[in-house]
Amino acid sequence: MKFRLATVFAAGLLAAAGANAATELVIATVNNGHMIEMQKLSKNFEAANPDIKLKWVTLEEGVLRQRVTTDIATKGGQFDIMTIGMYEAPIWGKKGWLTELKTDAAYDANDLLPAIRSALTVDGKLFAAPFYGESSMLMYRKDLADKAGVKVPENPTWPQIADLAKKIHNPPNTYGICLRGKPGWGDNMAFLSTLVNTYGGQWFDMSWKPQLESKPWKDAITFYVDLLKNYGPPGSSANSFNEILALTNSGKCGMWIDATIAASFVSDPKQSKVADQMAFAQAPTAVTPKGANWLWSWNLAIPAGSKKVDAAQKFVTWATSKDYIQLVAKTNGWANVPTGTRKSTYAAPEFQKAARFASAELKAIESANPTDSTLPKSPYVGVQFAAIPEFQAIGIAVGQQMSSALAGKTSVDDALKASQVAADREMKKAGYYK
């Protein structure tokens, strides 16, 4: 692979010899809509910077994560710019694997939303620039709530949600509520971590001991399994974001708690049959509002030791700037700009007009606090994950158990017991305790 990349790079240099040997930046990114749009619009960057050529490596999320993690850990040097999540940014920044980003006055780092910026900062240094960010919130069919005589508050509770789910559940036409069930640390566990948080739970106590058999975990997971068993669609244990988006857009979901980014899809008449009926509120709470809604961003970062830092910094600055957001708005309309990164986006009247969900999304993002997301004190940073290298393996193992409990293949108690054993084994192996 290295040989092939080196050959391509050498050929590129020869071809550009007459044009001052342009610097080629290899950019690894995820295959979602916003990133694909960035690739299309990057011809504007190349026109303004003829000495820089861009080469894209576009991958599905799981493959991207694997490839960039391997490359950065082995100092492979395959990529000049990487798309990484909020989970990796603080871990890799702390390990010295990323180059600190230097921003100028025009970039206006103070315009970045504080919750997002702080999650990408280690010891006062910004190690990744947010391309788009999100929290989670409630999306619901207002027509069904009205018919049931229920006014959904801006800050609902989980008992209120369960009550409404019961009233609007009308299978097979409409299911009361749809929630993630597909196993994965970024799939069902992203949602379930927020549910556990608001029930007063945590992943690890201050001694790094896993807390998966604690009362908050049992209460939260029992509530979740019962809720979906009674008022969810069949096969919920296989559903994640895309499956539920399709169900919601076809009018099958009365309610859905998930990523705020979904709001732009479910309220778009070109995609959703029920776009004009969709309404938005904050993620539900139980015992505490802490950690009830997640925080995530996709970010651009430069690996440490890169030989092309100046050119890479130029591109990262361009792609995450206010000007880039204006470019997307001008090209595709304000409803399609990357959201969740800058105060100025939400302050734009054109954006507020195009996005009915804007104020609910901003409130959700601003209320999420990765450094204080649990009722008992926790030793980790992160709302729907713990920013430690071991969390991926633990989250995957626990996600499989929770999906089995939802599918009725195991009891909640047995699923939590197996999860505790798996988490305990990983933490001991990593040396957190004996």
Protein backbone atom coordinates (compact mmCIF):
# COMPACT_ATOMS: atom_id res chain seq x y z
CA MET A 1 0.00 0.00 0.00
CA LYS A 2 2.82 2.38 0.93
CA PHE A 3 4.64 1.50 -2.29
CA ARG A 4 1.54 2.19 -4.37
CA LEU A 5 0.94 5.53 -2.63
CA ALA A 6 4.60 6.46 -3.07
CA THR A 7 4.40 5.62 -6.78
CA VAL A 8 1.25 7.73 -7.21
CA PHE A 9 2.88 10.57 -5.30
CA ALA A 10 6.03 10.39 -7.46
CA ALA A 11 3.95 10.38 -10.64
CA GLY A 12 2.03 13.39 -9.34
CA LEU A 13 5.25 15.26 -8.69
CA LEU A 14 6.55 14.57 -12.21
CA ALA A 15 3.28 15.75 -13.74
CA ALA A 16 3.45 18.95 -11.70
CA ALA A 17 7.12 19.63 -12.33
CA GLY A 18 6.29 22.46 -14.72
CA ALA A 19 3.91 23.96 -12.21
CA ASN A 20 6.30 24.37 -9.26
CA ALA A 21 5.73 20.79 -8.05
CA ALA A 22 2.43 21.24 -6.23
CA THR A 23 2.12 19.84 -2.70
CA GLU A 24 -0.28 16.88 -2.65
CA LEU A 25 -2.43 16.49 0.47
CA VAL A 26 -3.95 13.05 1.06
CA ILE A 27 -7.17 13.47 3.03
CA ALA A 28 -8.95 10.56 4.75
CA THR A 29 -12.65 11.21 5.28
CA VAL A 30 -15.98 9.56 6.03
CA ASN A 31 -18.55 8.89 3.29
CA ASN A 32 -21.39 11.02 4.62
CA GLY A 33 -23.26 13.82 2.85
CA HIS A 34 -21.44 16.80 4.37
CA MET A 35 -18.00 15.35 3.62
CA ILE A 36 -18.93 14.40 0.03
CA GLU A 37 -20.10 17.98 -0.47
CA MET A 38 -16.76 19.25 0.91
CA GLN A 39 -14.96 17.25 -1.78
CA LYS A 40 -17.10 18.82 -4.51
CA LEU A 41 -16.56 22.34 -3.19
CA SER A 42 -12.81 21.84 -2.65
CA LYS A 43 -12.20 22.83 -6.29
CA ASN A 44 -12.68 26.38 -4.94
CA PHE A 45 -9.79 25.80 -2.52
CA GLU A 46 -7.55 24.38 -5.26
CA ALA A 47 -8.33 27.35 -7.52
CA ALA A 48 -7.31 29.75 -4.74
CA ASN A 49 -4.23 27.63 -3.87
CA PRO A 50 -2.78 26.35 -7.17
CA ASP A 51 0.33 25.10 -5.35
CA ILE A 52 -1.79 22.54 -3.39
CA LYS A 53 -3.49 19.46 -4.89
CA LEU A 54 -5.98 17.36 -2.91
CA LYS A 55 -6.28 13.58 -3.01
CA TRP A 56 -9.29 12.05 -1.27
CA VAL A 57 -9.58 8.67 0.44
CA THR A 58 -13.29 8.30 1.25
CA LEU A 59 -14.28 5.43 3.53
CA GLU A 60 -17.26 4.03 5.45
CA GLU A 61 -17.13 5.12 9.12
CA GLY A 62 -15.91 1.83 10.63
CA VAL A 63 -13.23 1.35 7.96
CA LEU A 64 -12.11 4.98 8.24
CA ARG A 65 -11.69 4.66 12.00
CA GLN A 66 -9.64 1.47 11.60
CA ARG A 67 -7.40 2.87 8.85
CA VAL A 68 -6.59 6.21 10.50
CA THR A 69 -6.07 4.61 13.94
CA THR A 70 -3.59 2.09 12.49
CA ASP A 71 -1.82 4.77 10.46
CA ILE A 72 -1.41 7.24 13.31
CA ALA A 73 -0.43 4.61 15.92
CA THR A 74 2.27 3.13 13.62
CA LYS A 75 3.36 6.55 12.28
CA GLY A 76 2.53 5.22 8.80
CA GLY A 77 2.30 8.69 7.24
CA GLN A 78 -0.35 7.68 4.67
CA PHE A 79 -2.53 10.72 5.40
CA ASP A 80 -1.81 14.44 5.71
CA ILE A 81 -5.28 15.25 7.06
CA MET A 82 -7.62 12.88 8.90
CA THR A 83 -11.31 13.05 9.70
CA ILE A 84 -11.61 11.97 13.33
CA GLY A 85 -14.35 11.98 15.94
CA MET A 86 -14.66 13.72 19.28
CA TYR A 87 -13.70 10.40 20.91
CA GLU A 88 -10.26 10.21 19.28
CA ALA A 89 -9.29 13.92 19.39
CA PRO A 90 -8.50 14.27 23.14
CA ILE A 91 -6.91 10.80 23.40
CA TRP A 92 -4.63 11.33 20.41
CA GLY A 93 -3.88 14.94 21.37
CA LYS A 94 -2.74 13.79 24.81
CA LYS A 95 -0.54 11.07 23.28
CA GLY A 96 1.19 13.66 21.06
CA TRP A 97 -0.15 12.05 17.89
CA LEU A 98 -1.72 15.25 16.51
CA THR A 99 -0.31 18.64 15.47
CA GLU A 100 -1.67 21.64 17.37
CA LEU A 101 -3.82 23.80 15.10
CA LYS A 102 -2.77 27.45 14.87
CA THR A 103 -5.67 29.75 14.04
CA ASP A 104 -5.55 33.43 13.05
CA ALA A 105 -7.94 36.28 13.81
CA ALA A 106 -9.86 35.74 10.55
CA TYR A 107 -10.63 32.14 11.54
CA ASP A 108 -12.20 33.41 14.79
CA ALA A 109 -11.80 30.38 17.09
CA ASN A 110 -13.96 32.22 19.66
CA ASP A 111 -16.89 31.76 17.27
CA LEU A 112 -16.68 27.97 17.75
CA LEU A 113 -19.38 26.67 20.09
CA PRO A 114 -17.75 26.36 23.55
CA ALA A 115 -18.92 22.76 24.22
CA ILE A 116 -17.45 21.55 20.91
CA ARG A 117 -14.23 23.56 21.14
CA SER A 118 -13.50 22.44 24.70
CA ALA A 119 -13.93 18.76 23.77
CA LEU A 120 -11.22 19.13 21.09
CA THR A 121 -8.80 20.98 23.34
CA VAL A 122 -6.11 19.43 25.54
CA ASP A 123 -4.09 21.61 27.95
CA GLY A 124 -5.29 24.74 26.18
CA LYS A 125 -4.26 23.49 22.71
CA LEU A 126 -6.76 22.89 19.89
CA PHE A 127 -5.92 19.56 18.21
CA ALA A 128 -8.83 19.23 15.76
CA ALA A 129 -11.15 21.65 13.95
CA PRO A 130 -14.87 20.81 13.93
CA PHE A 131 -16.47 20.30 10.51
CA TYR A 132 -19.94 19.59 11.87
CA GLY A 133 -21.28 18.86 15.33
CA GLU A 134 -24.39 17.44 16.90
CA SER A 135 -26.21 16.62 20.09
CA SER A 136 -29.32 14.46 20.50
CA MET A 137 -32.94 15.55 20.89
CA LEU A 138 -36.57 14.48 20.65
CA MET A 139 -38.20 14.53 17.20
CA TYR A 140 -41.94 13.78 17.25
CA ARG A 141 -45.15 13.85 15.22
CA LYS A 142 -47.07 16.86 16.47
CA ASP A 143 -50.24 15.73 14.68
CA LEU A 144 -50.29 12.47 16.69
CA ALA A 145 -49.56 14.27 19.99
CA ASP A 146 -52.38 16.75 19.25
CA LYS A 147 -54.78 13.91 18.44
CA ALA A 148 -53.89 12.28 21.77
CA GLY A 149 -54.48 15.62 23.53
CA VAL A 150 -50.86 15.86 24.71
CA LYS A 151 -48.76 19.03 24.63
CA VAL A 152 -45.11 17.99 24.60
CA PRO A 153 -43.04 20.27 26.88
CA GLU A 154 -39.72 21.72 25.74
CA ASN A 155 -37.98 19.60 28.40
CA PRO A 156 -39.96 16.34 28.65
CA THR A 157 -39.34 13.53 31.14
CA TRP A 158 -39.01 9.84 30.25
CA PRO A 159 -42.29 8.92 32.05
CA GLN A 160 -44.07 11.57 29.91
CA ILE A 161 -42.49 10.06 26.78
CA ALA A 162 -43.59 6.53 27.76
CA ASP A 163 -47.13 7.82 28.37
CA LEU A 164 -47.27 9.52 24.95
CA ALA A 165 -45.78 6.43 23.24
CA LYS A 166 -48.63 4.36 24.68
CA LYS A 167 -51.26 6.84 23.47
CA ILE A 168 -50.00 7.15 19.88
CA HIS A 169 -48.92 3.52 19.34
CA ASN A 170 -51.03 2.22 16.45
CA PRO A 171 -49.25 -0.67 14.73
CA PRO A 172 -48.60 -1.44 11.95
CA ASN A 173 -49.34 2.13 10.76
CA THR A 174 -47.38 3.94 13.46
CA TYR A 175 -45.18 2.82 16.35
CA GLY A 176 -45.18 4.89 19.54
CA ILE A 177 -41.40 5.31 19.68
CA CYS A 178 -38.27 4.32 17.74
CA LEU A 179 -34.83 4.07 19.40
CA ARG A 180 -31.48 2.57 18.43
CA GLY A 181 -30.99 -1.13 19.16
CA LYS A 182 -28.20 -2.17 16.78
CA PRO A 183 -25.06 -3.11 18.74
CA GLY A 184 -22.01 -0.83 18.70
CA TRP A 185 -20.24 1.71 20.92
CA GLY A 186 -21.39 4.44 18.52
CA ASP A 187 -24.74 2.79 17.75
CA ASN A 188 -27.03 1.60 20.57
CA MET A 189 -24.52 2.58 23.27
CA ALA A 190 -24.45 6.24 22.19
CA PHE A 191 -28.14 6.45 23.01
CA LEU A 192 -28.07 4.11 26.01
CA SER A 193 -25.18 5.96 27.67
CA THR A 194 -27.30 9.13 27.73
CA LEU A 195 -30.26 7.17 29.14
CA VAL A 196 -28.06 5.72 31.89
CA ASN A 197 -26.59 9.19 32.61
CA THR A 198 -30.02 10.75 33.13
CA TYR A 199 -31.01 7.81 35.36
CA GLY A 200 -28.07 8.82 37.57
CA GLY A 201 -25.54 6.24 36.33
CA GLN A 202 -21.99 6.24 34.95
CA TRP A 203 -19.62 3.91 33.08
CA PHE A 204 -16.84 3.96 35.72
CA ASP A 205 -16.53 5.24 39.29
CA MET A 206 -13.56 7.34 40.46
CA SER A 207 -11.48 4.15 40.91
CA TRP A 208 -12.18 3.20 37.25
CA LYS A 209 -14.39 0.28 38.37
CA PRO A 210 -17.17 -0.45 35.82
CA GLN A 211 -20.67 0.25 37.19
CA LEU A 212 -22.77 -1.89 34.84
CA GLU A 213 -24.65 -3.77 37.58
CA SER A 214 -25.57 -0.62 39.50
CA LYS A 215 -29.20 0.38 40.10
CA PRO A 216 -29.19 3.24 37.52
CA TRP A 217 -28.03 0.85 34.77
CA LYS A 218 -30.68 -1.75 35.74
CA ASP A 219 -33.44 0.89 35.91
CA ALA A 220 -32.46 2.51 32.59
CA ILE A 221 -32.03 -0.69 30.58
CA THR A 222 -35.20 -2.29 32.02
CA PHE A 223 -37.17 0.86 31.09
CA TYR A 224 -35.67 0.86 27.57
CA VAL A 225 -36.38 -2.81 26.87
CA ASP A 226 -39.98 -2.54 28.16
CA LEU A 227 -40.60 0.69 26.22
CA LEU A 228 -39.51 -0.74 22.87
CA LYS A 229 -41.10 -4.15 23.50
CA ASN A 230 -44.46 -2.47 24.13
CA TYR A 231 -44.40 0.54 21.78
CA GLY A 232 -41.49 0.11 19.36
CA PRO A 233 -41.34 -1.38 15.86
CA PRO A 234 -40.59 -5.09 15.45
CA GLY A 235 -36.91 -5.90 15.01
CA SER A 236 -35.70 -2.88 17.03
CA SER A 237 -32.52 -4.74 18.03
CA ALA A 238 -31.29 -4.34 14.42
CA ASN A 239 -32.20 -0.65 14.04
CA SER A 240 -29.70 2.20 14.06
CA PHE A 241 -29.75 5.75 12.66
CA ASN A 242 -30.41 4.96 8.99
CA GLU A 243 -33.09 2.33 9.61
CA ILE A 244 -35.00 4.63 11.99
CA LEU A 245 -34.60 7.61 9.66
CA ALA A 246 -36.31 5.60 6.90
CA LEU A 247 -39.12 4.55 9.30
CA THR A 248 -39.60 8.14 10.52
CA ASN A 249 -39.64 9.62 7.01
CA SER A 250 -42.29 7.08 5.97
CA GLY A 251 -44.48 8.16 8.92
CA LYS A 252 -44.00 4.98 10.96
CA CYS A 253 -42.38 6.51 14.08
CA GLY A 254 -44.39 8.65 16.45
CA MET A 255 -41.23 9.72 18.31
CA TRP A 256 -37.49 9.36 17.86
CA ILE A 257 -34.64 10.46 20.16
CA ASP A 258 -31.40 10.64 18.19
CA ALA A 259 -28.77 12.90 16.58
CA THR A 260 -29.83 16.51 15.98
CA ILE A 261 -28.44 16.15 12.44
CA ALA A 262 -31.53 14.00 11.70
CA ALA A 263 -33.79 17.03 12.16
CA SER A 264 -32.74 18.48 8.80
CA PHE A 265 -33.74 15.21 7.07
CA VAL A 266 -37.08 14.55 8.82
CA SER A 267 -38.21 18.16 8.23
CA ASP A 268 -37.30 18.09 4.53
CA PRO A 269 -40.40 17.54 2.35
CA LYS A 270 -38.23 16.01 -0.37
CA GLN A 271 -37.23 13.20 2.03
CA SER A 272 -40.05 12.92 4.54
CA LYS A 273 -43.77 12.19 4.07
CA VAL A 274 -44.48 13.84 7.42
CA ALA A 275 -42.04 16.78 7.21
CA ASP A 276 -44.70 19.38 8.02
CA GLN A 277 -45.84 17.43 11.12
CA MET A 278 -42.41 17.07 12.73
CA ALA A 279 -41.70 19.01 15.93
CA PHE A 280 -38.63 19.16 18.18
CA ALA A 281 -37.84 19.24 21.91
CA GLN A 282 -34.95 18.46 24.23
CA ALA A 283 -33.89 14.88 24.98
CA PRO A 284 -35.97 13.47 27.86
CA THR A 285 -34.65 13.38 31.43
CA ALA A 286 -35.21 11.06 34.41
CA VAL A 287 -33.36 11.49 37.74
CA THR A 288 -31.01 14.25 36.52
CA PRO A 289 -30.62 16.44 33.42
CA LYS A 290 -26.87 15.65 33.41
CA GLY A 291 -25.72 13.77 30.34
CA ALA A 292 -29.26 13.34 28.96
CA ASN A 293 -28.14 14.38 25.47
CA TRP A 294 -24.91 13.50 23.76
CA LEU A 295 -22.22 15.60 22.11
CA TRP A 296 -20.35 14.62 18.97
CA SER A 297 -18.44 16.22 16.12
CA TRP A 298 -16.57 15.14 13.02
CA ASN A 299 -13.31 17.02 12.86
CA LEU A 300 -10.27 17.57 10.66
CA ALA A 301 -6.87 16.95 12.25
CA ILE A 302 -3.23 16.85 11.13
CA PRO A 303 -1.06 13.91 12.26
CA ALA A 304 2.06 14.82 14.25
CA GLY A 305 5.26 14.56 12.24
CA SER A 306 3.52 15.54 8.99
CA LYS A 307 5.92 17.01 6.42
CA LYS A 308 3.16 19.19 4.97
CA VAL A 309 1.83 21.01 8.02
CA ASP A 310 1.54 24.47 6.40
CA ALA A 311 -0.48 23.23 3.41
CA ALA A 312 -2.60 20.95 5.63
CA GLN A 313 -3.29 23.80 8.08
CA LYS A 314 -4.40 25.96 5.14
CA PHE A 315 -6.96 23.38 4.02
CA VAL A 316 -8.26 22.60 7.54
CA THR A 317 -8.72 26.33 8.15
CA TRP A 318 -10.61 26.76 4.85
CA ALA A 319 -12.94 23.77 5.34
CA THR A 320 -13.96 24.70 8.90
CA SER A 321 -14.21 28.48 8.42
CA LYS A 322 -17.17 30.88 8.40
CA ASP A 323 -16.45 31.45 4.69
CA TYR A 324 -16.91 27.75 3.95
CA ILE A 325 -20.36 27.78 5.60
CA GLN A 326 -21.28 30.81 3.46
CA LEU A 327 -20.03 28.94 0.37
CA VAL A 328 -22.28 25.94 1.12
CA ALA A 329 -25.24 28.27 1.78
CA LYS A 330 -24.65 30.07 -1.52
CA THR A 331 -24.23 26.81 -3.46
CA ASN A 332 -26.84 24.54 -1.83
CA GLY A 333 -28.99 26.75 0.39
CA TRP A 334 -28.90 27.45 4.14
CA ALA A 335 -30.83 24.27 5.00
CA ASN A 336 -27.79 22.24 3.86
CA VAL A 337 -24.92 23.95 5.71
CA PRO A 338 -22.85 21.90 8.20
CA THR A 339 -24.27 22.73 11.62
CA GLY A 340 -23.18 22.40 15.24
CA THR A 341 -19.84 24.22 15.05
CA ARG A 342 -20.20 28.01 15.03
CA LYS A 343 -22.26 30.62 16.90
CA SER A 344 -22.42 32.74 13.72
CA THR A 345 -24.31 29.97 11.85
CA TYR A 346 -27.13 30.03 14.42
CA ALA A 347 -27.13 33.84 14.48
CA ALA A 348 -27.77 33.98 10.70
CA PRO A 349 -31.45 34.88 10.06
CA GLU A 350 -31.32 32.88 6.80
CA PHE A 351 -30.33 29.74 8.72
CA GLN A 352 -33.00 30.24 11.38
CA LYS A 353 -35.59 30.61 8.65
CA ALA A 354 -34.42 27.52 6.73
CA ALA A 355 -34.01 25.30 9.81
CA ARG A 356 -37.06 25.04 12.11
CA PHE A 357 -34.98 22.91 14.47
CA ALA A 358 -32.13 25.43 14.86
CA SER A 359 -32.95 26.74 18.34
CA ALA A 360 -33.65 23.25 19.79
CA GLU A 361 -30.40 21.92 18.29
CA LEU A 362 -28.31 24.81 19.63
CA LYS A 363 -29.86 24.46 23.10
CA ALA A 364 -29.03 20.73 23.10
CA ILE A 365 -25.41 21.27 22.03
CA GLU A 366 -24.85 24.07 24.54
CA SER A 367 -26.31 22.05 27.41
CA ALA A 368 -24.03 19.03 26.82
CA ASN A 369 -20.93 19.03 29.02
CA PRO A 370 -18.35 16.27 28.40
CA THR A 371 -16.45 17.16 31.59
CA ASP A 372 -19.51 16.89 33.86
CA SER A 373 -22.02 14.46 32.34
CA THR A 374 -22.84 12.17 35.28
CA LEU A 375 -24.55 12.65 38.64
CA PRO A 376 -21.80 10.87 40.63
CA LYS A 377 -18.31 12.20 39.90
CA SER A 378 -16.60 10.33 37.04
CA PRO A 379 -12.90 10.13 36.09
CA TYR A 380 -13.52 10.28 32.32
CA VAL A 381 -14.36 12.93 29.72
CA GLY A 382 -17.26 12.31 27.33
CA VAL A 383 -21.05 12.24 27.46
CA GLN A 384 -22.00 9.12 25.45
CA PHE A 385 -18.53 7.56 25.66
CA ALA A 386 -15.51 7.56 27.96
CA ALA A 387 -12.49 9.07 26.19
CA ILE A 388 -10.08 6.24 27.03
CA PRO A 389 -8.56 3.82 24.46
CA GLU A 390 -10.23 0.80 26.11
CA PHE A 391 -13.75 2.16 25.65
CA GLN A 392 -14.20 0.97 22.06
CA ALA A 393 -13.80 -2.71 23.02
CA ILE A 394 -15.95 -2.29 26.14
CA GLY A 395 -18.67 -0.36 24.29
CA ILE A 396 -18.85 -3.01 21.55
CA ALA A 397 -19.12 -5.88 24.08
CA VAL A 398 -21.79 -4.10 26.15
CA GLY A 399 -23.68 -3.06 22.99
CA GLN A 400 -24.00 -6.71 21.95
CA GLN A 401 -25.40 -7.66 25.36
CA MET A 402 -27.93 -4.79 25.32
CA SER A 403 -29.08 -5.75 21.82
CA SER A 404 -29.56 -9.37 22.98
CA ALA A 405 -31.65 -8.19 25.95
CA LEU A 406 -33.78 -6.07 23.62
CA ALA A 407 -34.28 -9.03 21.26
CA GLY A 408 -35.39 -11.18 24.24
CA LYS A 409 -32.44 -13.56 23.89
CA THR A 410 -31.22 -12.83 27.41
CA SER A 411 -32.56 -11.09 30.53
CA VAL A 412 -31.55 -7.53 31.44
CA ASP A 413 -29.85 -8.82 34.61
CA ASP A 414 -27.84 -11.43 32.71
CA ALA A 415 -26.88 -8.93 30.00
CA LEU A 416 -25.61 -6.46 32.60
CA LYS A 417 -23.75 -9.19 34.50
CA ALA A 418 -21.94 -10.30 31.30
CA SER A 419 -21.22 -6.64 30.47
CA GLN A 420 -19.69 -6.04 33.91
CA VAL A 421 -17.43 -9.10 33.51
CA ALA A 422 -16.28 -7.96 30.02
CA ALA A 423 -15.62 -4.36 31.15
CA ASP A 424 -13.83 -5.49 34.30
CA ARG A 425 -11.57 -7.78 32.26
CA GLU A 426 -10.59 -4.99 29.83
CA MET A 427 -9.88 -2.47 32.61
CA LYS A 428 -7.74 -4.95 34.58
CA LYS A 429 -5.83 -5.93 31.43
CA ALA A 430 -5.09 -2.24 30.77
CA GLY A 431 -3.77 -1.82 34.33
CA TYR A 432 -6.40 0.56 35.74
CA TYR A 433 -6.57 -1.66 38.85
CA LYS A 434 -5.69 -5.22 39.87
